[in-house]
Amino acid sequence: MAQSTLLRARTVCLLSRPAIEDGAVFVRDGLIAEVGKWDDLSARWSGVVVEDLGEVILLPGLVNAHCHLDYTGMAGLISPPARGAFPDWIMSILALKAHWSYTEGRAAIGRERLHDGGGY
């Protein structure tokens, strides 16, 4: 059975056209199937799970691929963030990192280098 969700956001921004105020993104089986105005998509996809994200800007398809190699040493030390608690999660990371010495930070980066085969 197909999993479908309709995401609602204050603004949906796409690279291919102007921002959509009171926008929506229809997701089917983990893939973006349609993007448009909330009124249009909610009428077309009534009966599916709706998740109202609130006063946010939604950037469908954008992947934040940056990383912090020194955070590798924190694996398993901090629980994943609860929904809506991203700032608290970041504060946990910063609090843990504040106790690291320079040597501990460099060691965490070194462990990552072992996993990725070397070079930066």
PDB file of N, CA and C in Angstrom:
ATOM      1  N   MET A   1       0.841  -1.188   0.000  1.00  0.00           N
ATOM      2  CA  MET A   1       0.000   0.000   0.000  1.00  0.00           C
ATOM      3  C   MET A   1       0.883   1.247   0.000  1.00  0.00           C
ATOM      4  N   ALA A   2       0.574   2.209  -0.816  1.00  0.00           N
ATOM      5  CA  ALA A   2       1.372   3.430  -0.949  1.00  0.00           C
ATOM      6  C   ALA A   2       1.227   4.316   0.288  1.00  0.00           C
ATOM      7  N   GLN A   3       2.351   4.847   0.762  1.00  0.00           N
ATOM      8  CA  GLN A   3       2.370   5.821   1.844  1.00  0.00           C
ATOM      9  C   GLN A   3       2.297   7.204   1.209  1.00  0.00           C
ATOM     10  N   SER A   4       1.320   7.997   1.596  1.00  0.00           N
ATOM     11  CA  SER A   4       1.177   9.340   1.046  1.00  0.00           C
ATOM     12  C   SER A   4       1.006  10.352   2.167  1.00  0.00           C
ATOM     13  N   THR A   5       1.660  11.509   1.998  1.00  0.00           N
ATOM     14  CA  THR A   5       1.579  12.584   2.973  1.00  0.00           C
ATOM     15  C   THR A   5       1.495  13.904   2.229  1.00  0.00           C
ATOM     16  N   LEU A   6       0.693  14.802   2.745  1.00  0.00           N
ATOM     17  CA  LEU A   6       0.607  16.149   2.212  1.00  0.00           C
ATOM     18  C   LEU A   6       1.209  17.091   3.251  1.00  0.00           C
ATOM     19  N   LEU A   7       2.320  17.733   2.886  1.00  0.00           N
ATOM     20  CA  LEU A   7       3.011  18.658   3.777  1.00  0.00           C
ATOM     21  C   LEU A   7       2.563  20.078   3.473  1.00  0.00           C
ATOM     22  N   ARG A   8       2.205  20.817   4.506  1.00  0.00           N
ATOM     23  CA  ARG A   8       1.793  22.213   4.332  1.00  0.00           C
ATOM     24  C   ARG A   8       2.832  23.111   4.991  1.00  0.00           C
ATOM     25  N   ALA A   9       3.173  24.208   4.321  1.00  0.00           N
ATOM     26  CA  ALA A   9       4.148  25.153   4.866  1.00  0.00           C
ATOM     27  C   ALA A   9       3.756  26.572   4.512  1.00  0.00           C
ATOM     28  N   ARG A  10       4.198  27.508   5.311  1.00  0.00           N
ATOM     29  CA  ARG A  10       3.919  28.928   5.062  1.00  0.00           C
ATOM     30  C   ARG A  10       4.406  29.329   3.674  1.00  0.00           C
ATOM     31  N   THR A  11       5.618  28.844   3.314  1.00  0.00           N
ATOM     32  CA  THR A  11       6.196  29.135   2.012  1.00  0.00           C
ATOM     33  C   THR A  11       6.901  27.895   1.498  1.00  0.00           C
ATOM     34  N   VAL A  12       6.681  27.561   0.240  1.00  0.00           N
ATOM     35  CA  VAL A  12       7.409  26.472  -0.415  1.00  0.00           C
ATOM     36  C   VAL A  12       8.272  27.124  -1.499  1.00  0.00           C
ATOM     37  N   CYS A  13       9.569  26.886  -1.419  1.00  0.00           N
ATOM     38  CA  CYS A  13      10.499  27.485  -2.383  1.00  0.00           C
ATOM     39  C   CYS A  13      11.071  26.413  -3.295  1.00  0.00           C
ATOM     40  N   LEU A  14      10.988  26.675  -4.576  1.00  0.00           N
ATOM     41  CA  LEU A  14      11.539  25.786  -5.590  1.00  0.00           C
ATOM     42  C   LEU A  14      12.601  26.544  -6.379  1.00  0.00           C
ATOM     43  N   LEU A  15      13.518  25.841  -6.977  1.00  0.00           N
ATOM     44  CA  LEU A  15      14.520  26.489  -7.807  1.00  0.00           C
ATOM     45  C   LEU A  15      13.957  26.873  -9.167  1.00  0.00           C
ATOM     46  N   SER A  16      12.908  26.189  -9.585  1.00  0.00           N
ATOM     47  CA  SER A  16      12.401  26.332 -10.949  1.00  0.00           C
ATOM     48  C   SER A  16      11.294  27.373 -11.132  1.00  0.00           C
ATOM     49  N   ARG A  17      10.773  27.937 -10.046  1.00  0.00           N
ATOM     50  CA  ARG A  17       9.691  28.918 -10.175  1.00  0.00           C
ATOM     51  C   ARG A  17       9.592  29.751  -8.898  1.00  0.00           C
ATOM     52  N   PRO A  18       8.801  30.810  -8.908  1.00  0.00           N
ATOM     53  CA  PRO A  18       8.693  31.663  -7.715  1.00  0.00           C
ATOM     54  C   PRO A  18       8.170  30.898  -6.495  1.00  0.00           C
ATOM     55  N   ALA A  19       8.469  31.435  -5.322  1.00  0.00           N
ATOM     56  CA  ALA A  19       8.004  30.838  -4.065  1.00  0.00           C
ATOM     57  C   ALA A  19       6.481  30.762  -4.039  1.00  0.00           C
ATOM     58  N   ILE A  20       5.973  29.746  -3.358  1.00  0.00           N
ATOM     59  CA  ILE A  20       4.528  29.526  -3.242  1.00  0.00           C
ATOM     60  C   ILE A  20       4.136  29.804  -1.797  1.00  0.00           C
ATOM     61  N   GLU A  21       3.364  30.883  -1.593  1.00  0.00           N
ATOM     62  CA  GLU A  21       2.849  31.191  -0.258  1.00  0.00           C
ATOM     63  C   GLU A  21       1.704  30.235   0.054  1.00  0.00           C
ATOM     64  N   ASP A  22       1.623  29.792   1.307  1.00  0.00           N
ATOM     65  CA  ASP A  22       0.643  28.791   1.736  1.00  0.00           C
ATOM     66  C   ASP A  22       0.707  27.608   0.766  1.00  0.00           C
ATOM     67  N   GLY A  23       1.903  27.022   0.711  1.00  0.00           N
ATOM     68  CA  GLY A  23       2.153  25.952  -0.242  1.00  0.00           C
ATOM     69  C   GLY A  23       2.018  24.564   0.354  1.00  0.00           C
ATOM     70  N   ALA A  24       2.123  23.586  -0.518  1.00  0.00           N
ATOM     71  CA  ALA A  24       2.014  22.195  -0.104  1.00  0.00           C
ATOM     72  C   ALA A  24       2.893  21.326  -0.994  1.00  0.00           C
ATOM     73  N   VAL A  25       3.329  20.223  -0.416  1.00  0.00           N
ATOM     74  CA  VAL A  25       4.118  19.225  -1.146  1.00  0.00           C
ATOM     75  C   VAL A  25       3.467  17.876  -0.906  1.00  0.00           C
ATOM     76  N   PHE A  26       3.081  17.205  -1.972  1.00  0.00           N
ATOM     77  CA  PHE A  26       2.496  15.872  -1.873  1.00  0.00           C
ATOM     78  C   PHE A  26       3.609  14.852  -2.060  1.00  0.00           C
ATOM     79  N   VAL A  27       3.766  13.982  -1.063  1.00  0.00           N
ATOM     80  CA  VAL A  27       4.821  12.972  -1.070  1.00  0.00           C
ATOM     81  C   VAL A  27       4.177  11.596  -1.101  1.00  0.00           C
ATOM     82  N   ARG A  28       4.606  10.783  -2.074  1.00  0.00           N
ATOM     83  CA  ARG A  28       4.088   9.416  -2.195  1.00  0.00           C
ATOM     84  C   ARG A  28       5.276   8.466  -2.199  1.00  0.00           C
ATOM     85  N   ASP A  29       5.243   7.503  -1.279  1.00  0.00           N
ATOM     86  CA  ASP A  29       6.322   6.509  -1.151  1.00  0.00           C
ATOM     87  C   ASP A  29       7.698   7.154  -1.049  1.00  0.00           C
ATOM     88  N   GLY A  30       7.766   8.264  -0.303  1.00  0.00           N
ATOM     89  CA  GLY A  30       9.042   8.923  -0.054  1.00  0.00           C
ATOM     90  C   GLY A  30       9.537   9.811  -1.183  1.00  0.00           C
ATOM     91  N   LEU A  31       8.750   9.966  -2.229  1.00  0.00           N
ATOM     92  CA  LEU A  31       9.157  10.796  -3.363  1.00  0.00           C
ATOM     93  C   LEU A  31       8.198  11.970  -3.538  1.00  0.00           C
ATOM     94  N   ILE A  32       8.725  13.122  -3.924  1.00  0.00           N
ATOM     95  CA  ILE A  32       7.888  14.286  -4.179  1.00  0.00           C
ATOM     96  C   ILE A  32       7.089  14.024  -5.458  1.00  0.00           C
ATOM     97  N   ALA A  33       5.773  14.021  -5.323  1.00  0.00           N
ATOM     98  CA  ALA A  33       4.910  13.748  -6.468  1.00  0.00           C
ATOM     99  C   ALA A  33       4.308  15.026  -7.052  1.00  0.00           C
ATOM    100  N   GLU A  34       4.075  16.036  -6.202  1.00  0.00           N
ATOM    101  CA  GLU A  34       3.441  17.268  -6.684  1.00  0.00           C
ATOM    102  C   GLU A  34       3.707  18.396  -5.691  1.00  0.00           C
ATOM    103  N   VAL A  35       3.837  19.606  -6.219  1.00  0.00           N
ATOM    104  CA  VAL A  35       4.039  20.807  -5.411  1.00  0.00           C
ATOM    105  C   VAL A  35       3.076  21.868  -5.915  1.00  0.00           C
ATOM    106  N   GLY A  36       2.449  22.603  -4.998  1.00  0.00           N
ATOM    107  CA  GLY A  36       1.534  23.659  -5.413  1.00  0.00           C
ATOM    108  C   GLY A  36       0.939  24.404  -4.244  1.00  0.00           C
ATOM    109  N   LYS A  37      -0.133  25.137  -4.512  1.00  0.00           N
ATOM    110  CA  LYS A  37      -0.849  25.876  -3.472  1.00  0.00           C
ATOM    111  C   LYS A  37      -1.594  24.883  -2.578  1.00  0.00           C
ATOM    112  N   TRP A  38      -1.669  25.216  -1.285  1.00  0.00           N
ATOM    113  CA  TRP A  38      -2.354  24.369  -0.316  1.00  0.00           C
ATOM    114  C   TRP A  38      -3.801  24.108  -0.740  1.00  0.00           C
ATOM    115  N   ASP A  39      -4.525  25.147  -1.128  1.00  0.00           N
ATOM    116  CA  ASP A  39      -5.942  24.977  -1.493  1.00  0.00           C
ATOM    117  C   ASP A  39      -6.110  23.962  -2.628  1.00  0.00           C
ATOM    118  N   ASP A  40      -5.229  24.023  -3.612  1.00  0.00           N
ATOM    119  CA  ASP A  40      -5.330  23.115  -4.762  1.00  0.00           C
ATOM    120  C   ASP A  40      -4.999  21.674  -4.377  1.00  0.00           C
ATOM    121  N   LEU A  41      -3.865  21.486  -3.705  1.00  0.00           N
ATOM    122  CA  LEU A  41      -3.434  20.125  -3.386  1.00  0.00           C
ATOM    123  C   LEU A  41      -4.292  19.480  -2.312  1.00  0.00           C
ATOM    124  N   SER A  42      -4.757  20.260  -1.336  1.00  0.00           N
ATOM    125  CA  SER A  42      -5.594  19.667  -0.283  1.00  0.00           C
ATOM    126  C   SER A  42      -6.936  19.214  -0.848  1.00  0.00           C
ATOM    127  N   ALA A  43      -7.446  19.903  -1.860  1.00  0.00           N
ATOM    128  CA  ALA A  43      -8.699  19.480  -2.506  1.00  0.00           C
ATOM    129  C   ALA A  43      -8.475  18.218  -3.321  1.00  0.00           C
ATOM    130  N   ARG A  44      -7.337  18.164  -4.029  1.00  0.00           N
ATOM    131  CA  ARG A  44      -7.042  17.020  -4.888  1.00  0.00           C
ATOM    132  C   ARG A  44      -6.675  15.767  -4.083  1.00  0.00           C
ATOM    133  N   TRP A  45      -6.002  15.942  -2.953  1.00  0.00           N
ATOM    134  CA  TRP A  45      -5.518  14.789  -2.187  1.00  0.00           C
ATOM    135  C   TRP A  45      -6.204  14.682  -0.828  1.00  0.00           C
ATOM    136  N   SER A  46      -7.503  14.869  -0.782  1.00  0.00           N
ATOM    137  CA  SER A  46      -8.236  14.727   0.481  1.00  0.00           C
ATOM    138  C   SER A  46      -8.156  13.273   0.944  1.00  0.00           C
ATOM    139  N   GLY A  47      -8.098  13.101   2.238  1.00  0.00           N
ATOM    140  CA  GLY A  47      -8.054  11.751   2.792  1.00  0.00           C
ATOM    141  C   GLY A  47      -6.657  11.225   3.068  1.00  0.00           C
ATOM    142  N   VAL A  48      -5.609  11.939   2.637  1.00  0.00           N
ATOM    143  CA  VAL A  48      -4.246  11.491   2.945  1.00  0.00           C
ATOM    144  C   VAL A  48      -3.792  12.127   4.250  1.00  0.00           C
ATOM    145  N   VAL A  49      -2.728  11.615   4.815  1.00  0.00           N
ATOM    146  CA  VAL A  49      -2.155  12.172   6.034  1.00  0.00           C
ATOM    147  C   VAL A  49      -1.663  13.589   5.733  1.00  0.00           C
ATOM    148  N   VAL A  50      -2.047  14.546   6.577  1.00  0.00           N
ATOM    149  CA  VAL A  50      -1.615  15.934   6.424  1.00  0.00           C
ATOM    150  C   VAL A  50      -0.688  16.282   7.578  1.00  0.00           C
ATOM    151  N   GLU A  51       0.425  16.887   7.247  1.00  0.00           N
ATOM    152  CA  GLU A  51       1.357  17.364   8.268  1.00  0.00           C
ATOM    153  C   GLU A  51       1.564  18.857   8.027  1.00  0.00           C
ATOM    154  N   ASP A  52       1.009  19.672   8.915  1.00  0.00           N
ATOM    155  CA  ASP A  52       1.146  21.122   8.808  1.00  0.00           C
ATOM    156  C   ASP A  52       2.433  21.518   9.521  1.00  0.00           C
ATOM    157  N   LEU A  53       3.412  21.982   8.762  1.00  0.00           N
ATOM    158  CA  LEU A  53       4.719  22.322   9.313  1.00  0.00           C
ATOM    159  C   LEU A  53       4.741  23.706   9.941  1.00  0.00           C
ATOM    160  N   GLY A  54       3.668  24.469   9.764  1.00  0.00           N
ATOM    161  CA  GLY A  54       3.568  25.780  10.400  1.00  0.00           C
ATOM    162  C   GLY A  54       4.279  26.877   9.637  1.00  0.00           C
ATOM    163  N   GLU A  55       4.790  27.822  10.376  1.00  0.00           N
ATOM    164  CA  GLU A  55       5.411  29.031   9.812  1.00  0.00           C
ATOM    165  C   GLU A  55       6.861  28.749   9.405  1.00  0.00           C
ATOM    166  N   VAL A  56       7.040  27.910   8.412  1.00  0.00           N
ATOM    167  CA  VAL A  56       8.377  27.548   7.940  1.00  0.00           C
ATOM    168  C   VAL A  56       8.476  27.747   6.433  1.00  0.00           C
ATOM    169  N   ILE A  57       9.716  27.758   5.971  1.00  0.00           N
ATOM    170  CA  ILE A  57       9.983  27.730   4.534  1.00  0.00           C
ATOM    171  C   ILE A  57      10.405  26.311   4.214  1.00  0.00           C
ATOM    172  N   LEU A  58       9.707  25.668   3.324  1.00  0.00           N
ATOM    173  CA  LEU A  58       9.999  24.295   2.920  1.00  0.00           C
ATOM    174  C   LEU A  58      10.727  24.321   1.580  1.00  0.00           C
ATOM    175  N   LEU A  59      11.851  23.641   1.519  1.00  0.00           N
ATOM    176  CA  LEU A  59      12.673  23.583   0.305  1.00  0.00           C
ATOM    177  C   LEU A  59      12.692  22.144  -0.189  1.00  0.00           C
ATOM    178  N   PRO A  60      11.633  21.689  -0.860  1.00  0.00           N
ATOM    179  CA  PRO A  60      11.566  20.284  -1.261  1.00  0.00           C
ATOM    180  C   PRO A  60      12.707  19.909  -2.209  1.00  0.00           C
ATOM    181  N   GLY A  61      13.314  18.792  -1.901  1.00  0.00           N
ATOM    182  CA  GLY A  61      14.381  18.278  -2.747  1.00  0.00           C
ATOM    183  C   GLY A  61      15.755  18.802  -2.398  1.00  0.00           C
ATOM    184  N   LEU A  62      15.850  19.842  -1.561  1.00  0.00           N
ATOM    185  CA  LEU A  62      17.146  20.387  -1.179  1.00  0.00           C
ATOM    186  C   LEU A  62      17.761  19.516  -0.089  1.00  0.00           C
ATOM    187  N   VAL A  63      18.973  19.101  -0.301  1.00  0.00           N
ATOM    188  CA  VAL A  63      19.681  18.271   0.672  1.00  0.00           C
ATOM    189  C   VAL A  63      20.824  19.087   1.263  1.00  0.00           C
ATOM    190  N   ASN A  64      20.856  19.183   2.559  1.00  0.00           N
ATOM    191  CA  ASN A  64      21.942  19.867   3.253  1.00  0.00           C
ATOM    192  C   ASN A  64      23.061  18.846   3.429  1.00  0.00           C
ATOM    193  N   ALA A  65      24.044  18.908   2.562  1.00  0.00           N
ATOM    194  CA  ALA A  65      25.078  17.870   2.537  1.00  0.00           C
ATOM    195  C   ALA A  65      26.375  18.278   3.218  1.00  0.00           C
ATOM    196  N   HIS A  66      26.373  19.372   3.948  1.00  0.00           N
ATOM    197  CA  HIS A  66      27.613  19.739   4.623  1.00  0.00           C
ATOM    198  C   HIS A  66      27.806  18.851   5.844  1.00  0.00           C
ATOM    199  N   CYS A  67      29.019  18.777   6.322  1.00  0.00           N
ATOM    200  CA  CYS A  67      29.281  17.926   7.490  1.00  0.00           C
ATOM    201  C   CYS A  67      30.327  18.576   8.383  1.00  0.00           C
ATOM    202  N   HIS A  68      30.419  18.073   9.586  1.00  0.00           N
ATOM    203  CA  HIS A  68      31.415  18.502  10.559  1.00  0.00           C
ATOM    204  C   HIS A  68      32.174  17.241  10.964  1.00  0.00           C
ATOM    205  N   LEU A  69      33.354  17.060  10.427  1.00  0.00           N
ATOM    206  CA  LEU A  69      34.101  15.827  10.683  1.00  0.00           C
ATOM    207  C   LEU A  69      34.372  15.620  12.166  1.00  0.00           C
ATOM    208  N   ASP A  70      34.562  16.709  12.899  1.00  0.00           N
ATOM    209  CA  ASP A  70      34.849  16.547  14.325  1.00  0.00           C
ATOM    210  C   ASP A  70      33.650  15.993  15.091  1.00  0.00           C
ATOM    211  N   TYR A  71      32.442  16.106  14.540  1.00  0.00           N
ATOM    212  CA  TYR A  71      31.262  15.565  15.216  1.00  0.00           C
ATOM    213  C   TYR A  71      31.198  14.041  15.128  1.00  0.00           C
ATOM    214  N   THR A  72      32.041  13.448  14.294  1.00  0.00           N
ATOM    215  CA  THR A  72      32.069  11.990  14.173  1.00  0.00           C
ATOM    216  C   THR A  72      32.317  11.346  15.530  1.00  0.00           C
ATOM    217  N   GLY A  73      33.148  11.975  16.345  1.00  0.00           N
ATOM    218  CA  GLY A  73      33.453  11.435  17.670  1.00  0.00           C
ATOM    219  C   GLY A  73      32.279  11.475  18.629  1.00  0.00           C
ATOM    220  N   MET A  74      31.189  12.106  18.245  1.00  0.00           N
ATOM    221  CA  MET A  74      30.005  12.193  19.103  1.00  0.00           C
ATOM    222  C   MET A  74      28.984  11.098  18.805  1.00  0.00           C
ATOM    223  N   ALA A  75      29.268  10.263  17.831  1.00  0.00           N
ATOM    224  CA  ALA A  75      28.310   9.214  17.443  1.00  0.00           C
ATOM    225  C   ALA A  75      27.882   8.409  18.663  1.00  0.00           C
ATOM    226  N   GLY A  76      26.589   8.328  18.881  1.00  0.00           N
ATOM    227  CA  GLY A  76      26.029   7.557  19.984  1.00  0.00           C
ATOM    228  C   GLY A  76      25.989   8.287  21.316  1.00  0.00           C
ATOM    229  N   LEU A  77      26.524   9.493  21.396  1.00  0.00           N
ATOM    230  CA  LEU A  77      26.559  10.227  22.665  1.00  0.00           C
ATOM    231  C   LEU A  77      25.369  11.163  22.850  1.00  0.00           C
ATOM    232  N   ILE A  78      24.709  11.528  21.751  1.00  0.00           N
ATOM    233  CA  ILE A  78      23.576  12.450  21.816  1.00  0.00           C
ATOM    234  C   ILE A  78      22.405  11.808  21.077  1.00  0.00           C
ATOM    235  N   SER A  79      21.244  11.839  21.697  1.00  0.00           N
ATOM    236  CA  SER A  79      20.050  11.271  21.067  1.00  0.00           C
ATOM    237  C   SER A  79      19.618  12.132  19.886  1.00  0.00           C
ATOM    238  N   PRO A  80      18.993  11.521  18.880  1.00  0.00           N
ATOM    239  CA  PRO A  80      18.459  12.307  17.759  1.00  0.00           C
ATOM    240  C   PRO A  80      17.458  13.330  18.285  1.00  0.00           C
ATOM    241  N   PRO A  81      17.307  14.449  17.581  1.00  0.00           N
ATOM    242  CA  PRO A  81      16.380  15.480  18.064  1.00  0.00           C
ATOM    243  C   PRO A  81      14.927  15.043  17.958  1.00  0.00           C
ATOM    244  N   ALA A  82      14.144  15.453  18.942  1.00  0.00           N
ATOM    245  CA  ALA A  82      12.693  15.249  18.865  1.00  0.00           C
ATOM    246  C   ALA A  82      12.155  16.233  17.829  1.00  0.00           C
ATOM    247  N   ARG A  83      11.001  15.943  17.307  1.00  0.00           N
ATOM    248  CA  ARG A  83      10.396  16.837  16.307  1.00  0.00           C
ATOM    249  C   ARG A  83      10.291  18.246  16.873  1.00  0.00           C
ATOM    250  N   GLY A  84      10.801  19.200  16.128  1.00  0.00           N
ATOM    251  CA  GLY A  84      10.733  20.596  16.539  1.00  0.00           C
ATOM    252  C   GLY A  84      11.792  21.009  17.542  1.00  0.00           C
ATOM    253  N   ALA A  85      12.690  20.095  17.900  1.00  0.00           N
ATOM    254  CA  ALA A  85      13.687  20.397  18.924  1.00  0.00           C
ATOM    255  C   ALA A  85      15.091  20.538  18.354  1.00  0.00           C
ATOM    256  N   PHE A  86      15.205  20.905  17.097  1.00  0.00           N
ATOM    257  CA  PHE A  86      16.521  21.031  16.471  1.00  0.00           C
ATOM    258  C   PHE A  86      17.439  21.993  17.223  1.00  0.00           C
ATOM    259  N   PRO A  87      16.961  23.180  17.639  1.00  0.00           N
ATOM    260  CA  PRO A  87      17.854  24.078  18.389  1.00  0.00           C
ATOM    261  C   PRO A  87      18.397  23.439  19.667  1.00  0.00           C
ATOM    262  N   ASP A  88      17.566  22.677  20.384  1.00  0.00           N
ATOM    263  CA  ASP A  88      18.022  22.001  21.600  1.00  0.00           C
ATOM    264  C   ASP A  88      19.089  20.965  21.279  1.00  0.00           C
ATOM    265  N   TRP A  89      18.908  20.263  20.171  1.00  0.00           N
ATOM    266  CA  TRP A  89      19.875  19.249  19.750  1.00  0.00           C
ATOM    267  C   TRP A  89      21.218  19.900  19.432  1.00  0.00           C
ATOM    268  N   ILE A  90      21.190  21.015  18.713  1.00  0.00           N
ATOM    269  CA  ILE A  90      22.420  21.745  18.396  1.00  0.00           C
ATOM    270  C   ILE A  90      23.101  22.210  19.680  1.00  0.00           C
ATOM    271  N   MET A  91      22.336  22.704  20.635  1.00  0.00           N
ATOM    272  CA  MET A  91      22.917  23.143  21.909  1.00  0.00           C
ATOM    273  C   MET A  91      23.588  21.975  22.639  1.00  0.00           C
ATOM    274  N   SER A  92      23.007  20.770  22.537  1.00  0.00           N
ATOM    275  CA  SER A  92      23.630  19.586  23.146  1.00  0.00           C
ATOM    276  C   SER A  92      24.979  19.286  22.503  1.00  0.00           C
ATOM    277  N   ILE A  93      25.028  19.411  21.183  1.00  0.00           N
ATOM    278  CA  ILE A  93      26.287  19.181  20.464  1.00  0.00           C
ATOM    279  C   ILE A  93      27.334  20.204  20.898  1.00  0.00           C
ATOM    280  N   LEU A  94      26.934  21.469  20.935  1.00  0.00           N
ATOM    281  CA  LEU A  94      27.884  22.517  21.312  1.00  0.00           C
ATOM    282  C   LEU A  94      28.360  22.373  22.753  1.00  0.00           C
ATOM    283  N   ALA A  95      27.455  21.954  23.640  1.00  0.00           N
ATOM    284  CA  ALA A  95      27.842  21.758  25.037  1.00  0.00           C
ATOM    285  C   ALA A  95      28.863  20.622  25.168  1.00  0.00           C
ATOM    286  N   LEU A  96      28.639  19.540  24.452  1.00  0.00           N
ATOM    287  CA  LEU A  96      29.580  18.422  24.485  1.00  0.00           C
ATOM    288  C   LEU A  96      30.929  18.840  23.900  1.00  0.00           C
ATOM    289  N   LYS A  97      30.891  19.541  22.783  1.00  0.00           N
ATOM    290  CA  LYS A  97      32.124  19.960  22.116  1.00  0.00           C
ATOM    291  C   LYS A  97      32.918  20.951  22.972  1.00  0.00           C
ATOM    292  N   ALA A  98      32.226  21.753  23.771  1.00  0.00           N
ATOM    293  CA  ALA A  98      32.900  22.750  24.609  1.00  0.00           C
ATOM    294  C   ALA A  98      33.868  22.106  25.602  1.00  0.00           C
ATOM    295  N   HIS A  99      33.636  20.838  25.929  1.00  0.00           N
ATOM    296  CA  HIS A  99      34.492  20.145  26.893  1.00  0.00           C
ATOM    297  C   HIS A  99      35.664  19.428  26.231  1.00  0.00           C
ATOM    298  N   TRP A 100      35.717  19.437  24.917  1.00  0.00           N
ATOM    299  CA  TRP A 100      36.799  18.763  24.207  1.00  0.00           C
ATOM    300  C   TRP A 100      38.050  19.628  24.177  1.00  0.00           C
ATOM    301  N   SER A 101      39.167  18.983  24.274  1.00  0.00           N
ATOM    302  CA  SER A 101      40.431  19.677  24.045  1.00  0.00           C
ATOM    303  C   SER A 101      40.697  19.697  22.539  1.00  0.00           C
ATOM    304  N   TYR A 102      41.659  20.475  22.137  1.00  0.00           N
ATOM    305  CA  TYR A 102      42.050  20.504  20.726  1.00  0.00           C
ATOM    306  C   TYR A 102      42.439  19.102  20.268  1.00  0.00           C
ATOM    307  N   THR A 103      43.166  18.386  21.093  1.00  0.00           N
ATOM    308  CA  THR A 103      43.621  17.034  20.745  1.00  0.00           C
ATOM    309  C   THR A 103      42.442  16.087  20.542  1.00  0.00           C
ATOM    310  N   GLU A 104      41.415  16.187  21.390  1.00  0.00           N
ATOM    311  CA  GLU A 104      40.231  15.333  21.239  1.00  0.00           C
ATOM    312  C   GLU A 104      39.480  15.655  19.940  1.00  0.00           C
ATOM    313  N   GLY A 105      39.378  16.927  19.605  1.00  0.00           N
ATOM    314  CA  GLY A 105      38.727  17.311  18.351  1.00  0.00           C
ATOM    315  C   GLY A 105      39.478  16.786  17.143  1.00  0.00           C
ATOM    316  N   ARG A 106      40.790  16.898  17.158  1.00  0.00           N
ATOM    317  CA  ARG A 106      41.611  16.394  16.054  1.00  0.00           C
ATOM    318  C   ARG A 106      41.510  14.871  15.967  1.00  0.00           C
ATOM    319  N   ALA A 107      41.420  14.196  17.104  1.00  0.00           N
ATOM    320  CA  ALA A 107      41.296  12.731  17.101  1.00  0.00           C
ATOM    321  C   ALA A 107      39.975  12.304  16.453  1.00  0.00           C
ATOM    322  N   ALA A 108      38.914  13.050  16.707  1.00  0.00           N
ATOM    323  CA  ALA A 108      37.616  12.727  16.102  1.00  0.00           C
ATOM    324  C   ALA A 108      37.696  12.855  14.584  1.00  0.00           C
ATOM    325  N   ILE A 109      38.354  13.894  14.102  1.00  0.00           N
ATOM    326  CA  ILE A 109      38.527  14.068  12.658  1.00  0.00           C
ATOM    327  C   ILE A 109      39.364  12.930  12.094  1.00  0.00           C
ATOM    328  N   GLY A 110      40.387  12.542  12.803  1.00  0.00           N
ATOM    329  CA  GLY A 110      41.246  11.437  12.367  1.00  0.00           C
ATOM    330  C   GLY A 110      40.495  10.131  12.236  1.00  0.00           C
ATOM    331  N   ARG A 111      39.553   9.875  13.145  1.00  0.00           N
ATOM    332  CA  ARG A 111      38.744   8.650  13.045  1.00  0.00           C
ATOM    333  C   ARG A 111      37.928   8.654  11.765  1.00  0.00           C
ATOM    334  N   GLU A 112      37.396   9.811  11.375  1.00  0.00           N
ATOM    335  CA  GLU A 112      36.629   9.907  10.129  1.00  0.00           C
ATOM    336  C   GLU A 112      37.522   9.601   8.942  1.00  0.00           C
ATOM    337  N   ARG A 113      38.745  10.088   8.969  1.00  0.00           N
ATOM    338  CA  ARG A 113      39.655   9.857   7.850  1.00  0.00           C
ATOM    339  C   ARG A 113      39.907   8.364   7.672  1.00  0.00           C
ATOM    340  N   LEU A 114      39.930   7.613   8.764  1.00  0.00           N
ATOM    341  CA  LEU A 114      40.129   6.164   8.652  1.00  0.00           C
ATOM    342  C   LEU A 114      38.958   5.515   7.925  1.00  0.00           C
ATOM    343  N   HIS A 115      37.738   6.016   8.174  1.00  0.00           N
ATOM    344  CA  HIS A 115      36.552   5.423   7.562  1.00  0.00           C
ATOM    345  C   HIS A 115      36.389   5.754   6.090  1.00  0.00           C
ATOM    346  N   ASP A 116      36.839   6.954   5.684  1.00  0.00           N
ATOM    347  CA  ASP A 116      36.596   7.349   4.301  1.00  0.00           C
ATOM    348  C   ASP A 116      37.783   7.099   3.390  1.00  0.00           C
ATOM    349  N   GLY A 117      38.793   6.416   3.871  1.00  0.00           N
ATOM    350  CA  GLY A 117      39.921   6.049   3.026  1.00  0.00           C
ATOM    351  C   GLY A 117      41.007   7.105   2.939  1.00  0.00           C
ATOM    352  N   GLY A 118      40.958   8.102   3.774  1.00  0.00           N
ATOM    353  CA  GLY A 118      42.037   9.089   3.767  1.00  0.00           C
ATOM    354  C   GLY A 118      41.570  10.444   3.351  1.00  0.00           C
ATOM    355  N   GLY A 119      42.228  11.052   2.440  1.00  0.00           N
ATOM    356  CA  GLY A 119      42.158  12.433   2.011  1.00  0.00           C
ATOM    357  C   GLY A 119      40.929  13.260   2.295  1.00  0.00           C
ATOM    358  N   TYR A 120      41.149  14.529   2.296  1.00  0.00           N
ATOM    359  CA  TYR A 120      40.064  15.501   2.475  1.00  0.00           C
ATOM    360  C   TYR A 120      39.736  16.144   1.165  1.00  0.00           C
TER     361      TYR A 120
END
